Amino acid sequence: MNLSKSLYTKGIQCQKALCLKKYNKEVLTPPDETALARFETGNEVGDLACELFPNGREIVYTTNFDEMIKQTRKYIEDGIKYIYEATFSFNHITVSVEILKIQGIYLNIKSKFY
């Protein structure tokens, strides 16, 4: 099972909630208006962050984290300087960062983080 930062945090707060989220989604209630407002604020912050670092490429969110990781790797190899929602996995923990800025010399870390 891959864990994202949010799922890891959910598991720390309540193991039952993590189990339901991963294996029994139909039991969970849909997000309320407050949660939806937080999601929208997060989207707005992400858009503003992208404006601070223009001319980057975005990794489109999907539940297929392997595809997001593959796209991140491609953008790094293509020399893209800014990658929005760059996604990595290490020891079965998946991490997405709002903005990844590639600077300096890129070292060969592919085998360790992909």
C-alpha atoms as a PDB file:
ATOM      1  CA  MET A   1       0.000   0.000   0.000  1.00  0.00           C
ATOM      2  CA  ASN A   2       1.390   3.414  -0.958  1.00  0.00           C
ATOM      3  CA  LEU A   3       0.899   6.219   1.543  1.00  0.00           C
ATOM      4  CA  SER A   4       0.715   9.882   0.666  1.00  0.00           C
ATOM      5  CA  LYS A   5       1.479  12.606   3.208  1.00  0.00           C
ATOM      6  CA  SER A   6      -2.220  13.179   3.796  1.00  0.00           C
ATOM      7  CA  LEU A   7      -2.938   9.462   4.249  1.00  0.00           C
ATOM      8  CA  TYR A   8       0.013   9.118   6.623  1.00  0.00           C
ATOM      9  CA  THR A   9      -1.299  12.049   8.664  1.00  0.00           C
ATOM     10  CA  LYS A  10      -4.794  10.548   8.648  1.00  0.00           C
ATOM     11  CA  GLY A  11      -3.338   7.268   9.953  1.00  0.00           C
ATOM     12  CA  ILE A  12      -1.472   9.039  12.751  1.00  0.00           C
ATOM     13  CA  GLN A  13      -4.674  10.811  13.781  1.00  0.00           C
ATOM     14  CA  CYS A  14      -6.969   7.797  13.464  1.00  0.00           C
ATOM     15  CA  GLN A  15      -5.997   4.341  12.216  1.00  0.00           C
ATOM     16  CA  LYS A  16      -9.623   3.415  11.575  1.00  0.00           C
ATOM     17  CA  ALA A  17     -10.085   6.454   9.305  1.00  0.00           C
ATOM     18  CA  LEU A  18      -7.016   5.409   7.294  1.00  0.00           C
ATOM     19  CA  CYS A  19      -8.350   1.880   6.905  1.00  0.00           C
ATOM     20  CA  LEU A  20     -11.752   3.171   5.790  1.00  0.00           C
ATOM     21  CA  LYS A  21     -10.170   5.620   3.361  1.00  0.00           C
ATOM     22  CA  LYS A  22      -8.054   2.910   1.729  1.00  0.00           C
ATOM     23  CA  TYR A  23     -10.409  -0.057   1.754  1.00  0.00           C
ATOM     24  CA  ASN A  24     -13.988   1.041   2.378  1.00  0.00           C
ATOM     25  CA  LYS A  25     -14.473   4.446   0.743  1.00  0.00           C
ATOM     26  CA  GLU A  26     -18.250   4.046   0.378  1.00  0.00           C
ATOM     27  CA  VAL A  27     -18.627   4.179   4.184  1.00  0.00           C
ATOM     28  CA  LEU A  28     -17.076   7.641   4.421  1.00  0.00           C
ATOM     29  CA  THR A  29     -19.297  10.690   4.236  1.00  0.00           C
ATOM     30  CA  PRO A  30     -18.677  13.211   1.459  1.00  0.00           C
ATOM     31  CA  PRO A  31     -16.772  16.384   2.362  1.00  0.00           C
ATOM     32  CA  ASP A  32     -18.826  19.132   3.981  1.00  0.00           C
ATOM     33  CA  GLU A  33     -18.841  22.812   2.932  1.00  0.00           C
ATOM     34  CA  THR A  34     -15.918  23.632   5.225  1.00  0.00           C
ATOM     35  CA  ALA A  35     -13.766  20.900   3.699  1.00  0.00           C
ATOM     36  CA  LEU A  36     -14.737  21.970   0.184  1.00  0.00           C
ATOM     37  CA  ALA A  37     -13.752  25.563   1.029  1.00  0.00           C
ATOM     38  CA  ARG A  38     -10.353  24.315   2.272  1.00  0.00           C
ATOM     39  CA  PHE A  39      -9.869  22.381  -0.971  1.00  0.00           C
ATOM     40  CA  GLU A  40     -10.688  25.497  -3.002  1.00  0.00           C
ATOM     41  CA  THR A  41      -8.280  27.597  -0.929  1.00  0.00           C
ATOM     42  CA  GLY A  42      -5.593  24.990  -1.526  1.00  0.00           C
ATOM     43  CA  ASN A  43      -6.207  25.204  -5.276  1.00  0.00           C
ATOM     44  CA  GLU A  44      -5.946  28.994  -5.176  1.00  0.00           C
ATOM     45  CA  VAL A  45      -2.682  28.832  -3.200  1.00  0.00           C
ATOM     46  CA  GLY A  46      -1.324  26.336  -5.737  1.00  0.00           C
ATOM     47  CA  ASP A  47      -2.225  28.672  -8.606  1.00  0.00           C
ATOM     48  CA  LEU A  48      -0.509  31.612  -6.882  1.00  0.00           C
ATOM     49  CA  ALA A  49       2.578  29.488  -6.209  1.00  0.00           C
ATOM     50  CA  CYS A  50       2.787  28.636  -9.912  1.00  0.00           C
ATOM     51  CA  GLU A  51       2.683  32.353 -10.741  1.00  0.00           C
ATOM     52  CA  LEU A  52       5.745  32.878  -8.531  1.00  0.00           C
ATOM     53  CA  PHE A  53       7.648  30.299 -10.579  1.00  0.00           C
ATOM     54  CA  PRO A  54       6.437  30.732 -14.173  1.00  0.00           C
ATOM     55  CA  ASN A  55       7.152  28.547 -17.191  1.00  0.00           C
ATOM     56  CA  GLY A  56       7.020  25.281 -15.301  1.00  0.00           C
ATOM     57  CA  ARG A  57       5.207  22.067 -16.109  1.00  0.00           C
ATOM     58  CA  GLU A  58       2.399  20.582 -14.049  1.00  0.00           C
ATOM     59  CA  ILE A  59       1.987  16.950 -13.119  1.00  0.00           C
ATOM     60  CA  VAL A  60      -1.738  16.352 -13.474  1.00  0.00           C
ATOM     61  CA  TYR A  61      -3.178  14.727 -10.360  1.00  0.00           C
ATOM     62  CA  THR A  62      -4.469  11.204 -10.750  1.00  0.00           C
ATOM     63  CA  THR A  63      -4.887   8.288  -8.384  1.00  0.00           C
ATOM     64  CA  ASN A  64      -2.215   6.515 -10.451  1.00  0.00           C
ATOM     65  CA  PHE A  65       0.821   7.711  -8.497  1.00  0.00           C
ATOM     66  CA  ASP A  66       3.148   5.549 -10.595  1.00  0.00           C
ATOM     67  CA  GLU A  67       2.166   7.615 -13.646  1.00  0.00           C
ATOM     68  CA  MET A  68       2.740  10.877 -11.751  1.00  0.00           C
ATOM     69  CA  ILE A  69       6.184   9.641 -10.661  1.00  0.00           C
ATOM     70  CA  LYS A  70       6.995   8.615 -14.236  1.00  0.00           C
ATOM     71  CA  GLN A  71       5.979  12.069 -15.529  1.00  0.00           C
ATOM     72  CA  THR A  72       8.078  13.777 -12.829  1.00  0.00           C
ATOM     73  CA  ARG A  73      11.097  11.708 -13.865  1.00  0.00           C
ATOM     74  CA  LYS A  74      10.563  12.661 -17.516  1.00  0.00           C
ATOM     75  CA  TYR A  75      10.354  16.388 -16.730  1.00  0.00           C
ATOM     76  CA  ILE A  76      13.541  16.187 -14.642  1.00  0.00           C
ATOM     77  CA  GLU A  77      15.355  14.336 -17.432  1.00  0.00           C
ATOM     78  CA  ASP A  78      14.040  16.908 -19.951  1.00  0.00           C
ATOM     79  CA  GLY A  79      15.641  19.689 -17.913  1.00  0.00           C
ATOM     80  CA  ILE A  80      12.418  21.391 -16.820  1.00  0.00           C
ATOM     81  CA  LYS A  81      13.380  23.932 -14.157  1.00  0.00           C
ATOM     82  CA  TYR A  82      10.050  24.124 -12.283  1.00  0.00           C
ATOM     83  CA  ILE A  83       7.718  21.165 -11.814  1.00  0.00           C
ATOM     84  CA  TYR A  84       4.348  21.698 -10.166  1.00  0.00           C
ATOM     85  CA  GLU A  85       3.049  18.754  -8.102  1.00  0.00           C
ATOM     86  CA  ALA A  86       6.263  16.769  -8.639  1.00  0.00           C
ATOM     87  CA  THR A  87       5.743  13.303  -7.198  1.00  0.00           C
ATOM     88  CA  PHE A  88       8.224  10.832  -5.712  1.00  0.00           C
ATOM     89  CA  SER A  89       8.060   7.556  -3.836  1.00  0.00           C
ATOM     90  CA  PHE A  90      10.519   6.085  -1.367  1.00  0.00           C
ATOM     91  CA  ASN A  91       9.957   3.045   0.869  1.00  0.00           C
ATOM     92  CA  HIS A  92       6.283   2.946  -0.164  1.00  0.00           C
ATOM     93  CA  ILE A  93       5.674   6.553   0.900  1.00  0.00           C
ATOM     94  CA  THR A  94       4.471   8.842  -1.866  1.00  0.00           C
ATOM     95  CA  VAL A  95       5.232  12.550  -1.694  1.00  0.00           C
ATOM     96  CA  SER A  96       4.002  15.344  -3.945  1.00  0.00           C
ATOM     97  CA  VAL A  97       5.485  18.802  -3.616  1.00  0.00           C
ATOM     98  CA  GLU A  98       3.720  21.978  -4.643  1.00  0.00           C
ATOM     99  CA  ILE A  99       6.718  23.220  -6.636  1.00  0.00           C
ATOM    100  CA  LEU A 100      10.027  21.513  -7.320  1.00  0.00           C
ATOM    101  CA  LYS A 101      12.816  23.840  -8.430  1.00  0.00           C
ATOM    102  CA  ILE A 102      15.720  22.109 -10.126  1.00  0.00           C
ATOM    103  CA  GLN A 103      18.924  24.049  -9.587  1.00  0.00           C
ATOM    104  CA  GLY A 104      22.587  23.342  -9.806  1.00  0.00           C
ATOM    105  CA  ILE A 105      23.886  20.064 -11.107  1.00  0.00           C
ATOM    106  CA  TYR A 106      21.398  17.221 -11.151  1.00  0.00           C
ATOM    107  CA  LEU A 107      22.958  14.189  -9.494  1.00  0.00           C
ATOM    108  CA  ASN A 108      21.963  10.649 -10.359  1.00  0.00           C
ATOM    109  CA  ILE A 109      19.315   9.977  -7.714  1.00  0.00           C
ATOM    110  CA  LYS A 110      16.930   8.121  -9.987  1.00  0.00           C
ATOM    111  CA  SER A 111      17.395   4.685  -8.489  1.00  0.00           C
ATOM    112  CA  LYS A 112      16.961   5.977  -4.957  1.00  0.00           C
ATOM    113  CA  PHE A 113      13.775   8.031  -5.297  1.00  0.00           C
ATOM    114  CA  TYR A 114      11.831   6.573  -8.219  1.00  0.00           C
END
